[in-house]
PDB file of all heavy atoms in Angstrom:
ATOM      1  N   LEU A   1     148.350  83.214  85.981  1.00  0.00           N
ATOM      2  CA  LEU A   1     147.832  81.862  85.750  1.00  0.00           C
ATOM      3  C   LEU A   1     148.929  80.818  85.964  1.00  0.00           C
ATOM      4  O   LEU A   1     148.698  79.797  86.637  1.00  0.00           O
ATOM      5  CB  LEU A   1     147.279  81.754  84.330  1.00  0.00           C
ATOM      6  CG  LEU A   1     146.798  80.355  83.894  1.00  0.00           C
ATOM      7  CD1 LEU A   1     145.699  79.848  84.821  1.00  0.00           C
ATOM      8  CD2 LEU A   1     146.313  80.379  82.450  1.00  0.00           C
ATOM      9  N   ILE A   2     150.100  81.080  85.419  1.00  0.00           N
ATOM     10  CA  ILE A   2     151.208  80.139  85.593  1.00  0.00           C
ATOM     11  C   ILE A   2     151.596  80.054  87.068  1.00  0.00           C
ATOM     12  O   ILE A   2     151.851  78.967  87.599  1.00  0.00           O
ATOM     13  CB  ILE A   2     152.414  80.557  84.730  1.00  0.00           C
ATOM     14  CG1 ILE A   2     152.078  80.396  83.244  1.00  0.00           C
ATOM     15  CG2 ILE A   2     153.651  79.724  85.074  1.00  0.00           C
ATOM     16  CD1 ILE A   2     153.131  80.925  82.306  1.00  0.00           C
ATOM     17  N   GLY A   3     151.634  81.202  87.748  1.00  0.00           N
ATOM     18  CA  GLY A   3     151.939  81.200  89.181  1.00  0.00           C
ATOM     19  C   GLY A   3     150.932  80.387  89.971  1.00  0.00           C
ATOM     20  O   GLY A   3     151.299  79.602  90.856  1.00  0.00           O
ATOM     21  N   ALA A   4     149.645  80.544  89.643  1.00  0.00           N
ATOM     22  CA  ALA A   4     148.596  79.788  90.333  1.00  0.00           C
ATOM     23  C   ALA A   4     148.730  78.296  90.070  1.00  0.00           C
ATOM     24  O   ALA A   4     148.545  77.473  90.978  1.00  0.00           O
ATOM     25  CB  ALA A   4     147.215  80.285  89.885  1.00  0.00           C
ATOM     26  N   LEU A   5     149.080  77.931  88.839  1.00  0.00           N
ATOM     27  CA  LEU A   5     149.242  76.520  88.489  1.00  0.00           C
ATOM     28  C   LEU A   5     150.427  75.897  89.219  1.00  0.00           C
ATOM     29  O   LEU A   5     150.364  74.725  89.632  1.00  0.00           O
ATOM     30  CB  LEU A   5     149.416  76.368  86.977  1.00  0.00           C
ATOM     31  CG  LEU A   5     148.160  76.657  86.134  1.00  0.00           C
ATOM     32  CD1 LEU A   5     148.495  76.609  84.646  1.00  0.00           C
ATOM     33  CD2 LEU A   5     147.047  75.672  86.461  1.00  0.00           C
ATOM     34  N   LEU A   6     151.493  76.666  89.400  1.00  0.00           N
ATOM     35  CA  LEU A   6     152.650  76.147  90.138  1.00  0.00           C
ATOM     36  C   LEU A   6     152.296  75.903  91.611  1.00  0.00           C
ATOM     37  O   LEU A   6     152.721  74.904  92.201  1.00  0.00           O
ATOM     38  CB  LEU A   6     153.825  77.115  90.019  1.00  0.00           C
ATOM     39  CG  LEU A   6     154.514  77.172  88.650  1.00  0.00           C
ATOM     40  CD1 LEU A   6     155.612  78.231  88.643  1.00  0.00           C
ATOM     41  CD2 LEU A   6     155.096  75.815  88.279  1.00  0.00           C
ATOM     42  N   PHE A   7     151.507  76.806  92.195  1.00  0.00           N
ATOM     43  CA  PHE A   7     151.042  76.585  93.573  1.00  0.00           C
ATOM     44  C   PHE A   7     150.148  75.350  93.636  1.00  0.00           C
ATOM     45  O   PHE A   7     150.249  74.542  94.568  1.00  0.00           O
ATOM     46  CB  PHE A   7     150.293  77.810  94.082  1.00  0.00           C
ATOM     47  CG  PHE A   7     151.153  78.805  94.795  1.00  0.00           C
ATOM     48  CD1 PHE A   7     151.478  80.014  94.203  1.00  0.00           C
ATOM     49  CD2 PHE A   7     151.654  78.539  96.062  1.00  0.00           C
ATOM     50  CE1 PHE A   7     152.279  80.934  94.860  1.00  0.00           C
ATOM     51  CE2 PHE A   7     152.449  79.451  96.728  1.00  0.00           C
ATOM     52  CZ  PHE A   7     152.764  80.659  96.119  1.00  0.00           C
ATOM     53  N   ALA A   8     149.254  75.216  92.646  1.00  0.00           N
ATOM     54  CA  ALA A   8     148.357  74.059  92.617  1.00  0.00           C
ATOM     55  C   ALA A   8     149.157  72.763  92.516  1.00  0.00           C
ATOM     56  O   ALA A   8     148.822  71.759  93.156  1.00  0.00           O
ATOM     57  CB  ALA A   8     147.390  74.181  91.432  1.00  0.00           C
ATOM     58  N   TRP A   9     150.229  72.788  91.723  1.00  0.00           N
ATOM     59  CA  TRP A   9     151.077  71.604  91.589  1.00  0.00           C
ATOM     60  C   TRP A   9     151.772  71.291  92.923  1.00  0.00           C
ATOM     61  O   TRP A   9     151.852  70.133  93.334  1.00  0.00           O
ATOM     62  CB  TRP A   9     152.112  71.842  90.497  1.00  0.00           C
ATOM     63  CG  TRP A   9     153.047  70.687  90.302  1.00  0.00           C
ATOM     64  CD1 TRP A   9     152.799  69.536  89.609  1.00  0.00           C
ATOM     65  CD2 TRP A   9     154.380  70.567  90.819  1.00  0.00           C
ATOM     66  NE1 TRP A   9     153.897  68.701  89.661  1.00  0.00           N
ATOM     67  CE2 TRP A   9     154.882  69.301  90.388  1.00  0.00           C
ATOM     68  CE3 TRP A   9     155.203  71.386  91.581  1.00  0.00           C
ATOM     69  CZ2 TRP A   9     156.167  68.860  90.722  1.00  0.00           C
ATOM     70  CZ3 TRP A   9     156.481  70.960  91.905  1.00  0.00           C
ATOM     71  CH2 TRP A   9     156.947  69.707  91.487  1.00  0.00           C
ATOM     72  N   GLY A  10     152.262  72.334  93.594  1.00  0.00           N
ATOM     73  CA  GLY A  10     152.947  72.126  94.866  1.00  0.00           C
ATOM     74  C   GLY A  10     152.026  71.649  95.977  1.00  0.00           C
ATOM     75  O   GLY A  10     152.455  70.936  96.881  1.00  0.00           O
ATOM     76  N   LEU A  11     150.758  72.022  95.898  1.00  0.00           N
ATOM     77  CA  LEU A  11     149.795  71.666  96.946  1.00  0.00           C
ATOM     78  C   LEU A  11     148.917  70.483  96.555  1.00  0.00           C
ATOM     79  O   LEU A  11     147.947  70.172  97.264  1.00  0.00           O
ATOM     80  CB  LEU A  11     148.911  72.876  97.265  1.00  0.00           C
ATOM     81  CG  LEU A  11     149.643  74.088  97.876  1.00  0.00           C
ATOM     82  CD1 LEU A  11     148.758  75.324  97.845  1.00  0.00           C
ATOM     83  CD2 LEU A  11     150.094  73.779  99.298  1.00  0.00           C
ATOM     84  N   ARG A  12     149.254  69.845  95.438  1.00  0.00           N
ATOM     85  CA  ARG A  12     148.444  68.722  94.957  1.00  0.00           C
ATOM     86  C   ARG A  12     148.455  67.571  95.975  1.00  0.00           C
ATOM     87  O   ARG A  12     149.435  67.352  96.686  1.00  0.00           O
ATOM     88  CB  ARG A  12     148.966  68.228  93.610  1.00  0.00           C
ATOM     89  CG  ARG A  12     150.295  67.500  93.677  1.00  0.00           C
ATOM     90  CD  ARG A  12     150.863  67.262  92.277  1.00  0.00           C
ATOM     91  NE  ARG A  12     152.071  66.440  92.326  1.00  0.00           N
ATOM     92  CZ  ARG A  12     153.266  66.878  92.701  1.00  0.00           C
ATOM     93  NH1 ARG A  12     153.426  68.151  93.081  1.00  0.00           N
ATOM     94  NH2 ARG A  12     154.302  66.067  92.694  1.00  0.00           N
ATOM     95  N   GLY A  13     147.340  66.874  96.032  1.00  0.00           N
ATOM     96  CA  GLY A  13     147.254  65.717  96.913  1.00  0.00           C
ATOM     97  C   GLY A  13     146.927  66.029  98.358  1.00  0.00           C
ATOM     98  O   GLY A  13     146.824  65.120  99.185  1.00  0.00           O
ATOM     99  N   THR A  14     146.741  67.302  98.676  1.00  0.00           N
ATOM    100  CA  THR A  14     146.422  67.661 100.060  1.00  0.00           C
ATOM    101  C   THR A  14     144.922  67.594 100.294  1.00  0.00           C
ATOM    102  O   THR A  14     144.117  67.604  99.364  1.00  0.00           O
ATOM    103  CB  THR A  14     146.924  69.084 100.390  1.00  0.00           C
ATOM    104  OG1 THR A  14     146.373  70.018  99.441  1.00  0.00           O
ATOM    105  CG2 THR A  14     148.438  69.151 100.326  1.00  0.00           C
ATOM    106  N   ARG A  15     144.556  67.547 101.566  1.00  0.00           N
ATOM    107  CA  ARG A  15     143.150  67.513 101.965  1.00  0.00           C
ATOM    108  C   ARG A  15     142.832  68.715 102.850  1.00  0.00           C
ATOM    109  O   ARG A  15     143.711  69.251 103.495  1.00  0.00           O
ATOM    110  CB  ARG A  15     142.835  66.227 102.737  1.00  0.00           C
ATOM    111  CG  ARG A  15     143.101  64.949 101.961  1.00  0.00           C
ATOM    112  CD  ARG A  15     142.555  63.746 102.721  1.00  0.00           C
ATOM    113  NE  ARG A  15     143.100  63.680 104.084  1.00  0.00           N
ATOM    114  CZ  ARG A  15     144.204  63.033 104.400  1.00  0.00           C
ATOM    115  NH1 ARG A  15     144.903  62.415 103.465  1.00  0.00           N
ATOM    116  NH2 ARG A  15     144.636  62.991 105.654  1.00  0.00           N
ATOM    117  N   GLY A  16     141.575  69.098 102.871  1.00  0.00           N
ATOM    118  CA  GLY A  16     141.142  70.160 103.770  1.00  0.00           C
ATOM    119  C   GLY A  16     140.677  71.422 103.080  1.00  0.00           C
ATOM    120  O   GLY A  16     140.125  72.318 103.722  1.00  0.00           O
ATOM    121  N   LEU A  17     140.865  71.507 101.761  1.00  0.00           N
ATOM    122  CA  LEU A  17     140.434  72.715 101.058  1.00  0.00           C
ATOM    123  C   LEU A  17     138.923  72.878 101.096  1.00  0.00           C
ATOM    124  O   LEU A  17     138.406  73.994 101.169  1.00  0.00           O
ATOM    125  CB  LEU A  17     140.931  72.674  99.603  1.00  0.00           C
ATOM    126  CG  LEU A  17     140.796  73.963  98.788  1.00  0.00           C
ATOM    127  CD1 LEU A  17     141.523  75.116  99.473  1.00  0.00           C
ATOM    128  CD2 LEU A  17     141.317  73.761  97.373  1.00  0.00           C
ATOM    129  N   ASP A  18     138.200  71.765 101.065  1.00  0.00           N
ATOM    130  CA  ASP A  18     136.735  71.823 101.129  1.00  0.00           C
ATOM    131  C   ASP A  18     136.269  72.400 102.457  1.00  0.00           C
ATOM    132  O   ASP A  18     135.303  73.176 102.525  1.00  0.00           O
ATOM    133  CB  ASP A  18     136.130  70.438 100.905  1.00  0.00           C
ATOM    134  CG  ASP A  18     136.703  69.379 101.847  1.00  0.00           C
ATOM    135  OD1 ASP A  18     137.797  69.599 102.403  1.00  0.00           O
ATOM    136  OD2 ASP A  18     136.042  68.336 102.025  1.00  0.00           O
ATOM    137  N   LYS A  19     136.976  72.059 103.544  1.00  0.00           N
ATOM    138  CA  LYS A  19     136.636  72.615 104.856  1.00  0.00           C
ATOM    139  C   LYS A  19     136.945  74.108 104.904  1.00  0.00           C
ATOM    140  O   LYS A  19     136.217  74.877 105.544  1.00  0.00           O
ATOM    141  CB  LYS A  19     137.392  71.878 105.956  1.00  0.00           C
ATOM    142  CG  LYS A  19     136.961  70.423 106.136  1.00  0.00           C
ATOM    143  CD  LYS A  19     137.721  69.760 107.274  1.00  0.00           C
ATOM    144  CE  LYS A  19     137.282  68.322 107.452  1.00  0.00           C
ATOM    145  NZ  LYS A  19     138.039  67.634 108.544  1.00  0.00           N
ATOM    146  N   ASN A  20     138.015  74.519 104.247  1.00  0.00           N
ATOM    147  CA  ASN A  20     138.354  75.944 104.181  1.00  0.00           C
ATOM    148  C   ASN A  20     137.254  76.724 103.476  1.00  0.00           C
ATOM    149  O   ASN A  20     136.905  77.838 103.881  1.00  0.00           O
ATOM    150  CB  ASN A  20     139.676  76.144 103.437  1.00  0.00           C
ATOM    151  CG  ASN A  20     140.887  75.796 104.280  1.00  0.00           C
ATOM    152  OD1 ASN A  20     140.759  75.471 105.454  1.00  0.00           O
ATOM    153  ND2 ASN A  20     142.061  75.869 103.693  1.00  0.00           N
ATOM    154  N   ILE A  21     136.707  76.129 102.409  1.00  0.00           N
ATOM    155  CA  ILE A  21     135.629  76.794 101.666  1.00  0.00           C
ATOM    156  C   ILE A  21     134.391  76.932 102.545  1.00  0.00           C
ATOM    157  O   ILE A  21     133.751  77.987 102.590  1.00  0.00           O
ATOM    158  CB  ILE A  21     135.305  76.006 100.379  1.00  0.00           C
ATOM    159  CG1 ILE A  21     136.497  76.045  99.418  1.00  0.00           C
ATOM    160  CG2 ILE A  21     134.059  76.581  99.694  1.00  0.00           C
ATOM    161  CD1 ILE A  21     136.353  75.154  98.196  1.00  0.00           C
ATOM    162  N   GLU A  22     134.025  75.871 103.247  1.00  0.00           N
ATOM    163  CA  GLU A  22     132.875  75.916 104.158  1.00  0.00           C
ATOM    164  C   GLU A  22     133.086  76.966 105.250  1.00  0.00           C
ATOM    165  O   GLU A  22     132.148  77.657 105.656  1.00  0.00           O
ATOM    166  CB  GLU A  22     132.661  74.547 104.802  1.00  0.00           C
ATOM    167  CG  GLU A  22     132.208  73.465 103.840  1.00  0.00           C
ATOM    168  CD  GLU A  22     132.118  72.107 104.508  1.00  0.00           C
ATOM    169  OE1 GLU A  22     132.317  72.045 105.745  1.00  0.00           O
ATOM    170  OE2 GLU A  22     131.864  71.114 103.811  1.00  0.00           O
ATOM    171  N   ASN A  23     134.333  77.092 105.705  1.00  0.00           N
ATOM    172  CA  ASN A  23     134.669  78.022 106.779  1.00  0.00           C
ATOM    173  C   ASN A  23     134.404  79.473 106.396  1.00  0.00           C
ATOM    174  O   ASN A  23     134.086  80.306 107.241  1.00  0.00           O
ATOM    175  CB  ASN A  23     136.149  77.824 107.141  1.00  0.00           C
ATOM    176  CG  ASN A  23     136.535  78.572 108.398  1.00  0.00           C
ATOM    177  OD1 ASN A  23     137.394  79.442 108.366  1.00  0.00           O
ATOM    178  ND2 ASN A  23     135.913  78.241 109.518  1.00  0.00           N
ATOM    179  N   ILE A  24     134.517  79.778 105.107  1.00  0.00           N
ATOM    180  CA  ILE A  24     134.274  81.144 104.631  1.00  0.00           C
ATOM    181  C   ILE A  24     132.854  81.594 104.954  1.00  0.00           C
ATOM    182  O   ILE A  24     132.618  82.756 105.294  1.00  0.00           O
ATOM    183  CB  ILE A  24     134.500  81.238 103.100  1.00  0.00           C
ATOM    184  CG1 ILE A  24     135.970  81.000 102.763  1.00  0.00           C
ATOM    185  CG2 ILE A  24     134.061  82.597 102.560  1.00  0.00           C
ATOM    186  CD1 ILE A  24     136.242  80.919 101.273  1.00  0.00           C
ATOM    187  N   PHE A  25     131.919  80.663 104.859  1.00  0.00           N
ATOM    188  CA  PHE A  25     130.497  81.007 104.969  1.00  0.00           C
ATOM    189  C   PHE A  25     129.951  80.903 106.388  1.00  0.00           C
ATOM    190  O   PHE A  25     128.745  81.096 106.597  1.00  0.00           O
ATOM    191  CB  PHE A  25     129.681  80.124 104.012  1.00  0.00           C
ATOM    192  CG  PHE A  25     130.079  80.293 102.574  1.00  0.00           C
ATOM    193  CD1 PHE A  25     130.926  79.382 101.962  1.00  0.00           C
ATOM    194  CD2 PHE A  25     129.640  81.384 101.848  1.00  0.00           C
ATOM    195  CE1 PHE A  25     131.314  79.545 100.642  1.00  0.00           C
ATOM    196  CE2 PHE A  25     130.006  81.564 100.536  1.00  0.00           C
ATOM    197  CZ  PHE A  25     130.858  80.643  99.916  1.00  0.00           C
ATOM    198  N   GLU A  26     130.814  80.589 107.348  1.00  0.00           N
ATOM    199  CA  GLU A  26     130.375  80.632 108.736  1.00  0.00           C
ATOM    200  C   GLU A  26     130.063  82.072 109.118  1.00  0.00           C
ATOM    201  O   GLU A  26     130.731  83.004 108.671  1.00  0.00           O
ATOM    202  CB  GLU A  26     131.461  80.050 109.642  1.00  0.00           C
ATOM    203  CG  GLU A  26     131.658  78.555 109.471  1.00  0.00           C
ATOM    204  CD  GLU A  26     132.750  77.999 110.366  1.00  0.00           C
ATOM    205  OE1 GLU A  26     133.310  78.782 111.160  1.00  0.00           O
ATOM    206  OE2 GLU A  26     133.049  76.791 110.260  1.00  0.00           O
TER     207      GLU A  26
END
């Protein structure tokens, strides 16, 4: 959990994750 939160902090403010999620279901 702490590792995931540190990644989330480092990647904060970025765009494109929503497109990545949509891409899974293609």
